[in-house]
Amino acid sequence: MPLARSSTSLARGSADAPQLLDRLRSLDGLRGVAAVVVLLHHALLTVPVLARAYYEHQPPVPKGSVAWWITYSPLHLAWAGPEAVVLFFVLSGLVVALPVLRRPGFDWIAFYPRRVVRIAGPAAVALAFGVALMLLVPHVNGHQLGEWMNRRPNTVKPSDVLTDLGLVEGSSGLVSPLWSLQWELLFSAFLPLFIGIAVLGRRRPFVASAVIAALTMVGAFFTAKAMFYLPLFAIGALLVAQWDRVAAMARRVSRGTWAWPALVVLGLVVASSTWWLQGLGLSFHRATLLRWTPVPGIVLLLLAGAFWRPAVRVLESRVLQWLGHISFSLYLVHEPIVVTMRFLLMRVEAPTWASIAIALPVAFAVAALFTRFVEAPFHRLARSAGRKVSDAYREYSSPERTRTESAVLPSLPAASLRPAPVREKTLV
């Protein structure tokens, strides 16, 4: 998930880091937009007619209706949750790779405990929050709820809680956004491999891009999740490695008055391609096989957010920067709020839109509180854990310690250095 705020500070001191840091400020705003898209995604999935679009063998959305237009046109990008997560993964790859590639002497020992605490801590609290809401407002099934709501768990199983706490096995559905953290942790675990790919890609960027594209296509075709999701992080790492070249290309594009607007329109069309193609008659199954097609469009939108001045000004606005600040917390806590509000208002037969209207501001308020009282303390704890583990490792492996231990050995009697005879135990 989006962790750019903690990582940008790590890049200070690099010769070309200031330019990257300026870009990451606008990308913070873009991450905030993506978090809102995920929020709208789950909110609108509580509308039965809109939820049909995400499940095969469901009655079709009435053609020409408002629901049809916001589903099978580029308007779908406003609530395209899976596409927003693709953007999260690319951004995460960029942000995590940034201090490794741009700062000498990156502390690998501190990175791993810091990263685990930073992700797993808030996730555990979000899980407890989701379980508490579920126990307060029990889940039920009903035809009026729609497919997505009826697939929410109705009971809390200890095994599901343990699965969600572990993160690496995905999500049980108690708090479904936790599924993406599995890939965040796997990416972190194999970060040296991704850095190696990015470094090798400096000399042959087109070859590296072609390999990444091929992996995502194969992953989509064979529904191989690891092959589809993990290369998305590699895209971000490769962008960091190629940042100077990408910036030079962006400057050339900026010379044309309509070049960036045209590229943004192209990005929007490509990013929403699986949806408007279904509107033109593409089957649900074939659209699933083509779920790699939005990736180039999403990367184009990311680059526009980094280099197109009008987009940068908007993304650096106070509102979008605030959304970027709370984006991780909003991502973690919004779904239990949306689901709980729908089940709660269903009891008084309130319309779905009423529950959405209430859930959205509540989600923003809870996310702001979560950022301050949960995410920020875990941020501090993560930095502290990283420092302590790194300091302990340095102390253990320091040359002074090694010399001290080696100096003690010669003073020991020779007999004490010989292994003691092994006496076998008997059953007498």
Foldseek 3Di string as FASTA:
>chain_A
DDDQVLQLVLLPPFPPSVLVSLLVLLVLLVLLQLLQLCLVQLLCCQQALLVQLVDPPRPHRPPPDPSLPCFQHLVVSSNPNVLSVLLRLLNLLQRVLNSVVGPPPDQLLLPQLLQCLLPLQLLLVLLVVLVVLCVVQFQDDDPRRHDVSNPADRDDDPVQSVCLSVLLNAHPRSQRLSRSVNLVNVCSVCVVVLLVLLQVCLVPVVVSVVVLLVQLLVCQQVVPVCSNRNSSSSNSSNCSSCVVVLQVVLVVQVVDPCSLVVLLVVLSCQLSVLRNVVVVPDHSVVSSSVNSRNNVSSVSVSSCSRRVVVNVVVSNDPVSSVSSLLSVLLSSNLNSLSSSLQSVVVVVPDDSVVSSVVSVVVSVVVSVVCSVPGSVVSSVVSSVSSVVSSVVVCVVPPVVVVVVVVVVVVVDDPVVPDDDDDDDDDPD
